[in-house]
């Protein structure tokens, strides 16, 4: 009886070992496969210029919404940085969310904004 249990335990141990070796072998295979896929993708993307991408008709215009609440010290620089993006067509929308400082006045002075309705 004890010999039978030992044999069954050894068989079970080898089955568990085989399972983990097989599972880790699949993981290793997928890691190697993904490494080659990623290196092929990086090689392909290195030779595409941004001008070619941006000239594609698939690139759609975007809107950048910037919330600003009491940002008088940094709002002008933030908007200038957003306006210097190299995206083909975009708009920057500043949402002045109840500022109690002169955030709006700084924007009006820096970008010569005019009131519209």
PDB file of N, CA and C in Angstrom:
ATOM      1  N   UNK A   1       0.807  -1.190   0.000  1.00  0.00           N
ATOM      2  CA  UNK A   1       0.000   0.000   0.000  1.00  0.00           C
ATOM      3  C   UNK A   1       0.858   1.265   0.000  1.00  0.00           C
ATOM      4  N   UNK A   2       1.894   1.269   0.834  1.00  0.00           N
ATOM      5  CA  UNK A   2       2.786   2.430   0.912  1.00  0.00           C
ATOM      6  C   UNK A   2       3.562   2.581  -0.396  1.00  0.00           C
ATOM      7  N   UNK A   3       3.987   1.461  -0.988  1.00  0.00           N
ATOM      8  CA  UNK A   3       4.703   1.517  -2.265  1.00  0.00           C
ATOM      9  C   UNK A   3       3.829   2.077  -3.377  1.00  0.00           C
ATOM     10  N   UNK A   4       2.565   1.715  -3.353  1.00  0.00           N
ATOM     11  CA  UNK A   4       1.631   2.217  -4.364  1.00  0.00           C
ATOM     12  C   UNK A   4       1.469   3.724  -4.214  1.00  0.00           C
ATOM     13  N   UNK A   5       1.359   4.219  -2.975  1.00  0.00           N
ATOM     14  CA  UNK A   5       1.234   5.659  -2.727  1.00  0.00           C
ATOM     15  C   UNK A   5       2.498   6.399  -3.168  1.00  0.00           C
ATOM     16  N   UNK A   6       3.657   5.790  -2.898  1.00  0.00           N
ATOM     17  CA  UNK A   6       4.917   6.411  -3.334  1.00  0.00           C
ATOM     18  C   UNK A   6       4.969   6.508  -4.848  1.00  0.00           C
ATOM     19  N   UNK A   7       4.557   5.442  -5.509  1.00  0.00           N
ATOM     20  CA  UNK A   7       4.562   5.431  -6.986  1.00  0.00           C
ATOM     21  C   UNK A   7       3.591   6.481  -7.514  1.00  0.00           C
ATOM     22  N   UNK A   8       2.387   6.546  -6.928  1.00  0.00           N
ATOM     23  CA  UNK A   8       1.409   7.550  -7.351  1.00  0.00           C
ATOM     24  C   UNK A   8       1.913   8.972  -7.086  1.00  0.00           C
ATOM     25  N   UNK A   9       2.585   9.150  -5.964  1.00  0.00           N
ATOM     26  CA  UNK A   9       3.147  10.461  -5.659  1.00  0.00           C
ATOM     27  C   UNK A   9       4.230  10.841  -6.663  1.00  0.00           C
ATOM     28  N   UNK A  10       5.089   9.907  -7.024  1.00  0.00           N
ATOM     29  CA  UNK A  10       6.130  10.178  -8.020  1.00  0.00           C
ATOM     30  C   UNK A  10       5.509  10.484  -9.377  1.00  0.00           C
ATOM     31  N   UNK A  11       4.482   9.736  -9.747  1.00  0.00           N
ATOM     32  CA  UNK A  11       3.807   9.998 -11.027  1.00  0.00           C
ATOM     33  C   UNK A  11       3.180  11.389 -11.019  1.00  0.00           C
ATOM     34  N   UNK A  12       2.510  11.715  -9.912  1.00  0.00           N
ATOM     35  CA  UNK A  12       1.903  13.041  -9.792  1.00  0.00           C
ATOM     36  C   UNK A  12       2.965  14.128  -9.829  1.00  0.00           C
ATOM     37  N   UNK A  13       4.090  13.921  -9.173  1.00  0.00           N
ATOM     38  CA  UNK A  13       5.179  14.902  -9.162  1.00  0.00           C
ATOM     39  C   UNK A  13       5.711  15.135 -10.573  1.00  0.00           C
ATOM     40  N   UNK A  14       5.907  14.037 -11.308  1.00  0.00           N
ATOM     41  CA  UNK A  14       6.384  14.183 -12.680  1.00  0.00           C
ATOM     42  C   UNK A  14       5.351  14.867 -13.569  1.00  0.00           C
ATOM     43  N   UNK A  15       4.067  14.589 -13.327  1.00  0.00           N
ATOM     44  CA  UNK A  15       3.024  15.259 -14.111  1.00  0.00           C
ATOM     45  C   UNK A  15       3.016  16.762 -13.834  1.00  0.00           C
ATOM     46  N   UNK A  16       3.163  17.150 -12.573  1.00  0.00           N
ATOM     47  CA  UNK A  16       3.213  18.570 -12.217  1.00  0.00           C
ATOM     48  C   UNK A  16       4.460  19.217 -12.822  1.00  0.00           C
ATOM     49  N   UNK A  17       5.588  18.530 -12.740  1.00  0.00           N
ATOM     50  CA  UNK A  17       6.816  19.047 -13.330  1.00  0.00           C
ATOM     51  C   UNK A  17       6.662  19.213 -14.839  1.00  0.00           C
ATOM     52  N   UNK A  18       6.092  18.229 -15.498  1.00  0.00           N
ATOM     53  CA  UNK A  18       5.871  18.297 -16.939  1.00  0.00           C
ATOM     54  C   UNK A  18       4.934  19.454 -17.283  1.00  0.00           C
ATOM     55  N   UNK A  19       3.876  19.630 -16.491  1.00  0.00           N
ATOM     56  CA  UNK A  19       2.927  20.717 -16.725  1.00  0.00           C
ATOM     57  C   UNK A  19       3.631  22.068 -16.646  1.00  0.00           C
ATOM     58  N   UNK A  20       4.413  22.293 -15.592  1.00  0.00           N
ATOM     59  CA  UNK A  20       5.094  23.575 -15.439  1.00  0.00           C
ATOM     60  C   UNK A  20       6.160  23.788 -16.503  1.00  0.00           C
ATOM     61  N   UNK A  21       6.876  22.737 -16.889  1.00  0.00           N
ATOM     62  CA  UNK A  21       7.857  22.879 -17.961  1.00  0.00           C
ATOM     63  C   UNK A  21       7.165  23.214 -19.284  1.00  0.00           C
ATOM     64  N   UNK A  22       6.044  22.565 -19.558  1.00  0.00           N
ATOM     65  CA  UNK A  22       5.302  22.846 -20.778  1.00  0.00           C
ATOM     66  C   UNK A  22       4.751  24.272 -20.758  1.00  0.00           C
ATOM     67  N   UNK A  23       4.187  24.690 -19.645  1.00  0.00           N
ATOM     68  CA  UNK A  23       3.628  26.035 -19.526  1.00  0.00           C
ATOM     69  C   UNK A  23       4.721  27.090 -19.671  1.00  0.00           C
ATOM     70  N   UNK A  24       5.836  26.909 -18.989  1.00  0.00           N
ATOM     71  CA  UNK A  24       6.939  27.867 -19.099  1.00  0.00           C
ATOM     72  C   UNK A  24       7.574  27.837 -20.483  1.00  0.00           C
ATOM     73  N   UNK A  25       7.552  26.692 -21.131  1.00  0.00           N
ATOM     74  CA  UNK A  25       8.034  26.624 -22.511  1.00  0.00           C
ATOM     75  C   UNK A  25       7.169  27.455 -23.441  1.00  0.00           C
ATOM     76  N   UNK A  26       5.834  27.393 -23.255  1.00  0.00           N
ATOM     77  CA  UNK A  26       4.948  28.239 -24.048  1.00  0.00           C
ATOM     78  C   UNK A  26       5.202  29.713 -23.774  1.00  0.00           C
ATOM     79  N   UNK A  27       5.382  30.068 -22.485  1.00  0.00           N
ATOM     80  CA  UNK A  27       5.681  31.463 -22.147  1.00  0.00           C
ATOM     81  C   UNK A  27       6.966  31.926 -22.814  1.00  0.00           C
ATOM     82  N   UNK A  28       7.986  31.113 -22.776  1.00  0.00           N
ATOM     83  CA  UNK A  28       9.252  31.466 -23.419  1.00  0.00           C
ATOM     84  C   UNK A  28       9.070  31.617 -24.922  1.00  0.00           C
ATOM     85  N   UNK A  29       8.314  30.726 -25.534  1.00  0.00           N
ATOM     86  CA  UNK A  29       8.039  30.817 -26.964  1.00  0.00           C
ATOM     87  C   UNK A  29       7.343  32.126 -27.304  1.00  0.00           C
ATOM     88  N   UNK A  30       6.330  32.509 -26.520  1.00  0.00           N
ATOM     89  CA  UNK A  30       5.604  33.754 -26.790  1.00  0.00           C
ATOM     90  C   UNK A  30       6.458  34.989 -26.525  1.00  0.00           C
ATOM     91  N   UNK A  31       7.349  34.929 -25.551  1.00  0.00           N
ATOM     92  CA  UNK A  31       8.255  36.045 -25.302  1.00  0.00           C
ATOM     93  C   UNK A  31       9.186  36.233 -26.487  1.00  0.00           C
ATOM     94  N   UNK A  32       9.749  35.147 -26.996  1.00  0.00           N
ATOM     95  CA  UNK A  32      10.643  35.232 -28.155  1.00  0.00           C
ATOM     96  C   UNK A  32       9.874  35.715 -29.377  1.00  0.00           C
ATOM     97  N   UNK A  33       8.678  35.208 -29.577  1.00  0.00           N
ATOM     98  CA  UNK A  33       7.851  35.634 -30.696  1.00  0.00           C
ATOM     99  C   UNK A  33       7.507  37.117 -30.602  1.00  0.00           C
ATOM    100  N   UNK A  34       7.155  37.584 -29.417  1.00  0.00           N
ATOM    101  CA  UNK A  34       6.831  39.006 -29.265  1.00  0.00           C
ATOM    102  C   UNK A  34       8.067  39.876 -29.428  1.00  0.00           C
ATOM    103  N   UNK A  35       9.234  39.390 -29.014  1.00  0.00           N
ATOM    104  CA  UNK A  35      10.464  40.163 -29.210  1.00  0.00           C
ATOM    105  C   UNK A  35      10.710  40.413 -30.697  1.00  0.00           C
ATOM    106  N   UNK A  36      10.556  39.384 -31.514  1.00  0.00           N
ATOM    107  CA  UNK A  36      10.754  39.570 -32.950  1.00  0.00           C
ATOM    108  C   UNK A  36       9.675  40.475 -33.547  1.00  0.00           C
ATOM    109  N   UNK A  37       8.452  40.359 -33.061  1.00  0.00           N
ATOM    110  CA  UNK A  37       7.383  41.228 -33.553  1.00  0.00           C
ATOM    111  C   UNK A  37       7.625  42.680 -33.195  1.00  0.00           C
ATOM    112  N   UNK A  38       8.060  42.931 -31.976  1.00  0.00           N
ATOM    113  CA  UNK A  38       8.328  44.306 -31.549  1.00  0.00           C
ATOM    114  C   UNK A  38       9.519  44.878 -32.297  1.00  0.00           C
ATOM    115  N   UNK A  39      10.570  44.096 -32.487  1.00  0.00           N
ATOM    116  CA  UNK A  39      11.734  44.611 -33.215  1.00  0.00           C
ATOM    117  C   UNK A  39      11.384  44.892 -34.678  1.00  0.00           C
ATOM    118  N   UNK A  40      10.525  44.063 -35.279  1.00  0.00           N
ATOM    119  CA  UNK A  40      10.093  44.323 -36.654  1.00  0.00           C
ATOM    120  C   UNK A  40       9.246  45.596 -36.720  1.00  0.00           C
ATOM    121  N   UNK A  41       8.376  45.791 -35.731  1.00  0.00           N
ATOM    122  CA  UNK A  41       7.547  46.989 -35.678  1.00  0.00           C
ATOM    123  C   UNK A  41       8.407  48.237 -35.499  1.00  0.00           C
ATOM    124  N   UNK A  42       9.392  48.184 -34.600  1.00  0.00           N
ATOM    125  CA  UNK A  42      10.278  49.345 -34.387  1.00  0.00           C
ATOM    126  C   UNK A  42      11.090  49.644 -35.647  1.00  0.00           C
ATOM    127  N   UNK A  43      11.521  48.619 -36.338  1.00  0.00           N
ATOM    128  CA  UNK A  43      12.285  48.829 -37.569  1.00  0.00           C
ATOM    129  C   UNK A  43      11.410  49.496 -38.619  1.00  0.00           C
ATOM    130  N   UNK A  44      10.150  49.088 -38.696  1.00  0.00           N
ATOM    131  CA  UNK A  44       9.239  49.662 -39.672  1.00  0.00           C
ATOM    132  C   UNK A  44       8.902  51.113 -39.350  1.00  0.00           C
ATOM    133  N   UNK A  45       8.707  51.422 -38.071  1.00  0.00           N
ATOM    134  CA  UNK A  45       8.284  52.764 -37.688  1.00  0.00           C
ATOM    135  C   UNK A  45       9.432  53.765 -37.764  1.00  0.00           C
ATOM    136  N   UNK A  46      10.679  53.310 -37.716  1.00  0.00           N
ATOM    137  CA  UNK A  46      11.822  54.218 -37.808  1.00  0.00           C
ATOM    138  C   UNK A  46      11.904  54.883 -39.173  1.00  0.00           C
ATOM    139  N   UNK A  47      11.386  54.246 -40.183  1.00  0.00           N
ATOM    140  CA  UNK A  47      11.527  54.770 -41.521  1.00  0.00           C
ATOM    141  C   UNK A  47      10.311  55.552 -42.003  1.00  0.00           C
ATOM    142  N   UNK A  48       9.359  55.798 -41.126  1.00  0.00           N
ATOM    143  CA  UNK A  48       8.196  56.590 -41.491  1.00  0.00           C
ATOM    144  C   UNK A  48       8.385  57.990 -40.907  1.00  0.00           C
ATOM    145  N   UNK A  49       8.376  58.980 -41.768  1.00  0.00           N
ATOM    146  CA  UNK A  49       8.540  60.353 -41.311  1.00  0.00           C
ATOM    147  C   UNK A  49       7.203  60.887 -40.816  1.00  0.00           C
ATOM    148  N   UNK A  50       7.272  61.783 -39.851  1.00  0.00           N
ATOM    149  CA  UNK A  50       6.050  62.346 -39.288  1.00  0.00           C
ATOM    150  C   UNK A  50       5.276  63.148 -40.334  1.00  0.00           C
ATOM    151  N   UNK A  51       5.964  63.762 -41.281  1.00  0.00           N
ATOM    152  CA  UNK A  51       5.272  64.515 -42.326  1.00  0.00           C
ATOM    153  C   UNK A  51       4.382  63.596 -43.162  1.00  0.00           C
ATOM    154  N   UNK A  52       4.871  62.377 -43.411  1.00  0.00           N
ATOM    155  CA  UNK A  52       4.070  61.420 -44.171  1.00  0.00           C
ATOM    156  C   UNK A  52       2.837  60.991 -43.390  1.00  0.00           C
ATOM    157  N   UNK A  53       3.013  60.816 -42.102  1.00  0.00           N
ATOM    158  CA  UNK A  53       1.874  60.432 -41.272  1.00  0.00           C
ATOM    159  C   UNK A  53       0.857  61.559 -41.217  1.00  0.00           C
ATOM    160  N   UNK A  54       1.325  62.786 -41.003  1.00  0.00           N
ATOM    161  CA  UNK A  54       0.415  63.917 -40.870  1.00  0.00           C
ATOM    162  C   UNK A  54      -0.229  64.310 -42.185  1.00  0.00           C
ATOM    163  N   UNK A  55       0.334  63.912 -43.301  1.00  0.00           N
ATOM    164  CA  UNK A  55      -0.286  64.233 -44.589  1.00  0.00           C
ATOM    165  C   UNK A  55      -1.367  63.224 -44.974  1.00  0.00           C
ATOM    166  N   UNK A  56      -1.523  62.203 -44.178  1.00  0.00           N
ATOM    167  CA  UNK A  56      -2.534  61.183 -44.444  1.00  0.00           C
ATOM    168  C   UNK A  56      -3.934  61.748 -44.224  1.00  0.00           C
ATOM    169  N   UNK A  57      -4.877  61.381 -45.073  1.00  0.00           N
ATOM    170  CA  UNK A  57      -6.257  61.854 -44.859  1.00  0.00           C
ATOM    171  C   UNK A  57      -6.934  61.180 -43.665  1.00  0.00           C
ATOM    172  N   UNK A  58      -6.284  60.185 -43.091  1.00  0.00           N
ATOM    173  CA  UNK A  58      -6.849  59.500 -41.933  1.00  0.00           C
ATOM    174  C   UNK A  58      -6.663  60.282 -40.636  1.00  0.00           C
ATOM    175  N   UNK A  59      -5.761  61.268 -40.641  1.00  0.00           N
ATOM    176  CA  UNK A  59      -5.530  62.077 -39.453  1.00  0.00           C
ATOM    177  C   UNK A  59      -6.661  63.088 -39.326  1.00  0.00           C
ATOM    178  N   UNK A  60      -7.404  62.998 -38.243  1.00  0.00           N
ATOM    179  CA  UNK A  60      -8.544  63.871 -38.016  1.00  0.00           C
ATOM    180  C   UNK A  60      -8.150  65.036 -37.117  1.00  0.00           C
ATOM    181  N   UNK A  61      -8.849  66.162 -37.236  1.00  0.00           N
ATOM    182  CA  UNK A  61      -8.567  67.284 -36.334  1.00  0.00           C
ATOM    183  C   UNK A  61      -8.962  66.942 -34.893  1.00  0.00           C
ATOM    184  N   UNK A  62      -8.271  67.559 -33.948  1.00  0.00           N
ATOM    185  CA  UNK A  62      -8.557  67.302 -32.540  1.00  0.00           C
ATOM    186  C   UNK A  62      -8.812  68.614 -31.808  1.00  0.00           C
ATOM    187  N   UNK A  63      -9.475  68.517 -30.677  1.00  0.00           N
ATOM    188  CA  UNK A  63      -9.689  69.645 -29.784  1.00  0.00           C
ATOM    189  C   UNK A  63      -9.009  69.334 -28.460  1.00  0.00           C
ATOM    190  N   UNK A  64      -8.252  70.299 -27.961  1.00  0.00           N
ATOM    191  CA  UNK A  64      -7.569  70.138 -26.681  1.00  0.00           C
ATOM    192  C   UNK A  64      -8.269  71.060 -25.692  1.00  0.00           C
ATOM    193  N   UNK A  65      -8.893  70.486 -24.687  1.00  0.00           N
ATOM    194  CA  UNK A  65      -9.616  71.258 -23.687  1.00  0.00           C
ATOM    195  C   UNK A  65      -8.736  71.368 -22.446  1.00  0.00           C
ATOM    196  N   UNK A  66      -8.473  72.617 -22.026  1.00  0.00           N
ATOM    197  CA  UNK A  66      -7.593  72.871 -20.895  1.00  0.00           C
ATOM    198  C   UNK A  66      -8.392  73.564 -19.791  1.00  0.00           C
ATOM    199  N   UNK A  67      -8.605  72.890 -18.666  1.00  0.00           N
ATOM    200  CA  UNK A  67      -9.264  73.573 -17.547  1.00  0.00           C
ATOM    201  C   UNK A  67      -8.270  74.491 -16.847  1.00  0.00           C
ATOM    202  N   UNK A  68      -8.724  75.689 -16.479  1.00  0.00           N
ATOM    203  CA  UNK A  68      -7.835  76.653 -15.825  1.00  0.00           C
ATOM    204  C   UNK A  68      -8.582  77.311 -14.680  1.00  0.00           C
ATOM    205  N   UNK A  69      -8.132  77.064 -13.483  1.00  0.00           N
ATOM    206  CA  UNK A  69      -8.705  77.705 -12.300  1.00  0.00           C
ATOM    207  C   UNK A  69      -7.557  78.262 -11.473  1.00  0.00           C
ATOM    208  N   UNK A  70      -7.479  79.592 -11.417  1.00  0.00           N
ATOM    209  CA  UNK A  70      -6.410  80.293 -10.689  1.00  0.00           C
ATOM    210  C   UNK A  70      -5.024  79.866 -11.194  1.00  0.00           C
ATOM    211  N   UNK A  71      -4.832  80.008 -12.487  1.00  0.00           N
ATOM    212  CA  UNK A  71      -3.577  79.608 -13.137  1.00  0.00           C
ATOM    213  C   UNK A  71      -2.840  80.804 -13.742  1.00  0.00           C
ATOM    214  N   UNK A  72      -2.941  81.969 -13.135  1.00  0.00           N
ATOM    215  CA  UNK A  72      -2.371  83.159 -13.751  1.00  0.00           C
ATOM    216  C   UNK A  72      -0.857  83.079 -13.927  1.00  0.00           C
ATOM    217  N   UNK A  73      -0.175  82.321 -13.110  1.00  0.00           N
ATOM    218  CA  UNK A  73       1.284  82.244 -13.208  1.00  0.00           C
ATOM    219  C   UNK A  73       1.766  81.370 -14.353  1.00  0.00           C
ATOM    220  N   UNK A  74       0.954  80.417 -14.778  1.00  0.00           N
ATOM    221  CA  UNK A  74       1.448  79.463 -15.772  1.00  0.00           C
ATOM    222  C   UNK A  74       0.566  79.317 -17.002  1.00  0.00           C
ATOM    223  N   UNK A  75      -0.563  79.988 -17.073  1.00  0.00           N
ATOM    224  CA  UNK A  75      -1.503  79.738 -18.164  1.00  0.00           C
ATOM    225  C   UNK A  75      -0.957  80.170 -19.517  1.00  0.00           C
ATOM    226  N   UNK A  76      -0.265  81.290 -19.572  1.00  0.00           N
ATOM    227  CA  UNK A  76       0.244  81.784 -20.859  1.00  0.00           C
ATOM    228  C   UNK A  76       1.284  80.829 -21.422  1.00  0.00           C
ATOM    229  N   UNK A  77       2.185  80.382 -20.587  1.00  0.00           N
ATOM    230  CA  UNK A  77       3.211  79.439 -21.053  1.00  0.00           C
ATOM    231  C   UNK A  77       2.590  78.108 -21.468  1.00  0.00           C
ATOM    232  N   UNK A  78       1.597  77.652 -20.723  1.00  0.00           N
ATOM    233  CA  UNK A  78       0.925  76.398 -21.072  1.00  0.00           C
ATOM    234  C   UNK A  78       0.240  76.497 -22.427  1.00  0.00           C
ATOM    235  N   UNK A  79      -0.451  77.595 -22.674  1.00  0.00           N
ATOM    236  CA  UNK A  79      -1.144  77.767 -23.956  1.00  0.00           C
ATOM    237  C   UNK A  79      -0.136  77.897 -25.092  1.00  0.00           C
ATOM    238  N   UNK A  80       0.946  78.601 -24.873  1.00  0.00           N
ATOM    239  CA  UNK A  80       1.980  78.717 -25.927  1.00  0.00           C
ATOM    240  C   UNK A  80       2.567  77.348 -26.257  1.00  0.00           C
ATOM    241  N   UNK A  81       2.799  76.540 -25.261  1.00  0.00           N
ATOM    242  CA  UNK A  81       3.316  75.191 -25.515  1.00  0.00           C
ATOM    243  C   UNK A  81       2.306  74.350 -26.289  1.00  0.00           C
ATOM    244  N   UNK A  82       1.044  74.485 -25.953  1.00  0.00           N
ATOM    245  CA  UNK A  82       0.024  73.731 -26.690  1.00  0.00           C
ATOM    246  C   UNK A  82      -0.096  74.223 -28.129  1.00  0.00           C
ATOM    247  N   UNK A  83       0.063  75.508 -28.345  1.00  0.00           N
ATOM    248  CA  UNK A  83      -0.027  76.044 -29.702  1.00  0.00           C
ATOM    249  C   UNK A  83       1.186  75.685 -30.555  1.00  0.00           C
ATOM    250  N   UNK A  84       2.256  75.221 -29.932  1.00  0.00           N
ATOM    251  CA  UNK A  84       3.454  74.850 -30.699  1.00  0.00           C
ATOM    252  C   UNK A  84       3.466  73.374 -31.080  1.00  0.00           C
ATOM    253  N   UNK A  85       2.375  72.669 -30.874  1.00  0.00           N
ATOM    254  CA  UNK A  85       2.305  71.263 -31.273  1.00  0.00           C
ATOM    255  C   UNK A  85       2.470  71.119 -32.783  1.00  0.00           C
ATOM    256  N   UNK A  86       3.013  70.017 -33.213  1.00  0.00           N
ATOM    257  CA  UNK A  86       3.209  69.771 -34.638  1.00  0.00           C
ATOM    258  C   UNK A  86       2.123  68.848 -35.179  1.00  0.00           C
ATOM    259  N   UNK A  87       0.910  69.113 -34.799  1.00  0.00           N
ATOM    260  CA  UNK A  87      -0.223  68.330 -35.284  1.00  0.00           C
ATOM    261  C   UNK A  87      -0.867  69.118 -36.416  1.00  0.00           C
ATOM    262  N   UNK A  88      -1.369  68.460 -37.469  1.00  0.00           N
ATOM    263  CA  UNK A  88      -1.849  69.202 -38.641  1.00  0.00           C
ATOM    264  C   UNK A  88      -2.994  70.164 -38.349  1.00  0.00           C
ATOM    265  N   UNK A  89      -4.013  69.721 -37.652  1.00  0.00           N
ATOM    266  CA  UNK A  89      -5.165  70.579 -37.442  1.00  0.00           C
ATOM    267  C   UNK A  89      -5.721  70.336 -36.050  1.00  0.00           C
ATOM    268  N   UNK A  90      -5.698  71.384 -35.225  1.00  0.00           N
ATOM    269  CA  UNK A  90      -6.198  71.244 -33.865  1.00  0.00           C
ATOM    270  C   UNK A  90      -6.661  72.599 -33.351  1.00  0.00           C
ATOM    271  N   UNK A  91      -7.428  72.561 -32.279  1.00  0.00           N
ATOM    272  CA  UNK A  91      -7.843  73.785 -31.610  1.00  0.00           C
ATOM    273  C   UNK A  91      -7.604  73.610 -30.119  1.00  0.00           C
ATOM    274  N   UNK A  92      -7.313  74.734 -29.455  1.00  0.00           N
ATOM    275  CA  UNK A  92      -7.089  74.731 -28.018  1.00  0.00           C
ATOM    276  C   UNK A  92      -8.236  75.511 -27.384  1.00  0.00           C
ATOM    277  N   UNK A  93      -8.930  74.859 -26.476  1.00  0.00           N
ATOM    278  CA  UNK A  93     -10.054  75.487 -25.786  1.00  0.00           C
ATOM    279  C   UNK A  93      -9.680  75.610 -24.312  1.00  0.00           C
ATOM    280  N   UNK A  94      -9.663  76.854 -23.814  1.00  0.00           N
ATOM    281  CA  UNK A  94      -9.362  77.105 -22.415  1.00  0.00           C
ATOM    282  C   UNK A  94     -10.686  77.303 -21.681  1.00  0.00           C
ATOM    283  N   UNK A  95     -10.892  76.532 -20.640  1.00  0.00           N
ATOM    284  CA  UNK A  95     -12.101  76.657 -19.825  1.00  0.00           C
ATOM    285  C   UNK A  95     -11.694  77.312 -18.516  1.00  0.00           C
ATOM    286  N   UNK A  96     -12.067  78.602 -18.366  1.00  0.00           N
ATOM    287  CA  UNK A  96     -11.753  79.338 -17.153  1.00  0.00           C
ATOM    288  C   UNK A  96     -12.830  79.005 -16.125  1.00  0.00           C
ATOM    289  N   UNK A  97     -12.492  78.147 -15.202  1.00  0.00           N
ATOM    290  CA  UNK A  97     -13.476  77.569 -14.281  1.00  0.00           C
ATOM    291  C   UNK A  97     -13.562  78.363 -12.981  1.00  0.00           C
ATOM    292  N   UNK A  98     -14.098  79.566 -13.069  1.00  0.00           N
ATOM    293  CA  UNK A  98     -14.333  80.366 -11.861  1.00  0.00           C
ATOM    294  C   UNK A  98     -13.081  80.862 -11.199  1.00  0.00           C
ATOM    295  N   UNK A  99     -12.120  81.312 -11.957  1.00  0.00           N
ATOM    296  CA  UNK A  99     -10.877  81.814 -11.372  1.00  0.00           C
ATOM    297  C   UNK A  99     -11.140  83.096 -10.590  1.00  0.00           C
ATOM    298  N   UNK A 100     -10.477  83.214  -9.458  1.00  0.00           N
ATOM    299  CA  UNK A 100     -10.581  84.444  -8.665  1.00  0.00           C
ATOM    300  C   UNK A 100      -9.360  85.326  -8.855  1.00  0.00           C
ATOM    301  N   UNK A 101      -8.398  84.889  -9.625  1.00  0.00           N
ATOM    302  CA  UNK A 101      -7.221  85.702  -9.908  1.00  0.00           C
ATOM    303  C   UNK A 101      -7.352  86.275 -11.319  1.00  0.00           C
ATOM    304  N   UNK A 102      -6.270  86.696 -11.904  1.00  0.00           N
ATOM    305  CA  UNK A 102      -6.320  87.344 -13.220  1.00  0.00           C
ATOM    306  C   UNK A 102      -5.916  86.393 -14.345  1.00  0.00           C
ATOM    307  N   UNK A 103      -6.377  85.175 -14.287  1.00  0.00           N
ATOM    308  CA  UNK A 103      -6.080  84.199 -15.347  1.00  0.00           C
ATOM    309  C   UNK A 103      -6.616  84.669 -16.684  1.00  0.00           C
ATOM    310  N   UNK A 104      -7.861  85.103 -16.698  1.00  0.00           N
ATOM    311  CA  UNK A 104      -8.471  85.559 -17.948  1.00  0.00           C
ATOM    312  C   UNK A 104      -7.778  86.804 -18.481  1.00  0.00           C
ATOM    313  N   UNK A 105      -7.433  87.729 -17.622  1.00  0.00           N
ATOM    314  CA  UNK A 105      -6.747  88.949 -18.069  1.00  0.00           C
ATOM    315  C   UNK A 105      -5.377  88.638 -18.661  1.00  0.00           C
ATOM    316  N   UNK A 106      -4.667  87.685 -18.088  1.00  0.00           N
ATOM    317  CA  UNK A 106      -3.353  87.298 -18.633  1.00  0.00           C
ATOM    318  C   UNK A 106      -3.507  86.713 -20.030  1.00  0.00           C
ATOM    319  N   UNK A 107      -4.557  85.907 -20.249  1.00  0.00           N
ATOM    320  CA  UNK A 107      -4.806  85.339 -21.578  1.00  0.00           C
ATOM    321  C   UNK A 107      -5.180  86.429 -22.579  1.00  0.00           C
ATOM    322  N   UNK A 108      -6.017  87.353 -22.150  1.00  0.00           N
ATOM    323  CA  UNK A 108      -6.432  88.451 -23.049  1.00  0.00           C
ATOM    324  C   UNK A 108      -5.231  89.284 -23.457  1.00  0.00           C
ATOM    325  N   UNK A 109      -4.353  89.612 -22.517  1.00  0.00           N
ATOM    326  CA  UNK A 109      -3.167  90.427 -22.823  1.00  0.00           C
ATOM    327  C   UNK A 109      -2.172  89.680 -23.715  1.00  0.00           C
ATOM    328  N   UNK A 110      -1.935  88.431 -23.418  1.00  0.00           N
ATOM    329  CA  UNK A 110      -0.893  87.682 -24.142  1.00  0.00           C
ATOM    330  C   UNK A 110      -1.307  87.336 -25.571  1.00  0.00           C
ATOM    331  N   UNK A 111      -2.593  87.069 -25.796  1.00  0.00           N
ATOM    332  CA  UNK A 111      -3.017  86.594 -27.113  1.00  0.00           C
ATOM    333  C   UNK A 111      -3.975  87.551 -27.815  1.00  0.00           C
ATOM    334  N   UNK A 112      -4.126  88.761 -27.269  1.00  0.00           N
ATOM    335  CA  UNK A 112      -4.971  89.810 -27.879  1.00  0.00           C
ATOM    336  C   UNK A 112      -6.366  89.281 -28.188  1.00  0.00           C
ATOM    337  N   UNK A 113      -6.976  88.668 -27.170  1.00  0.00           N
ATOM    338  CA  UNK A 113      -8.311  88.091 -27.340  1.00  0.00           C
ATOM    339  C   UNK A 113      -9.374  89.174 -27.354  1.00  0.00           C
ATOM    340  N   UNK A 114     -10.467  88.923 -28.036  1.00  0.00           N
ATOM    341  CA  UNK A 114     -11.587  89.856 -28.107  1.00  0.00           C
ATOM    342  C   UNK A 114     -12.837  89.132 -27.660  1.00  0.00           C
ATOM    343  N   UNK A 115     -13.715  89.860 -27.025  1.00  0.00           N
ATOM    344  CA  UNK A 115     -14.949  89.295 -26.520  1.00  0.00           C
ATOM    345  C   UNK A 115     -15.916  89.032 -27.666  1.00  0.00           C
ATOM    346  N   UNK A 116     -16.501  87.826 -27.682  1.00  0.00           N
ATOM    347  CA  UNK A 116     -17.529  87.486 -28.673  1.00  0.00           C
ATOM    348  C   UNK A 116     -18.713  86.894 -27.945  1.00  0.00           C
ATOM    349  N   UNK A 117     -19.815  86.800 -28.662  1.00  0.00           N
ATOM    350  CA  UNK A 117     -21.002  86.218 -28.031  1.00  0.00           C
ATOM    351  C   UNK A 117     -21.339  84.904 -28.636  1.00  0.00           C
TER     352      UNK A 117
END
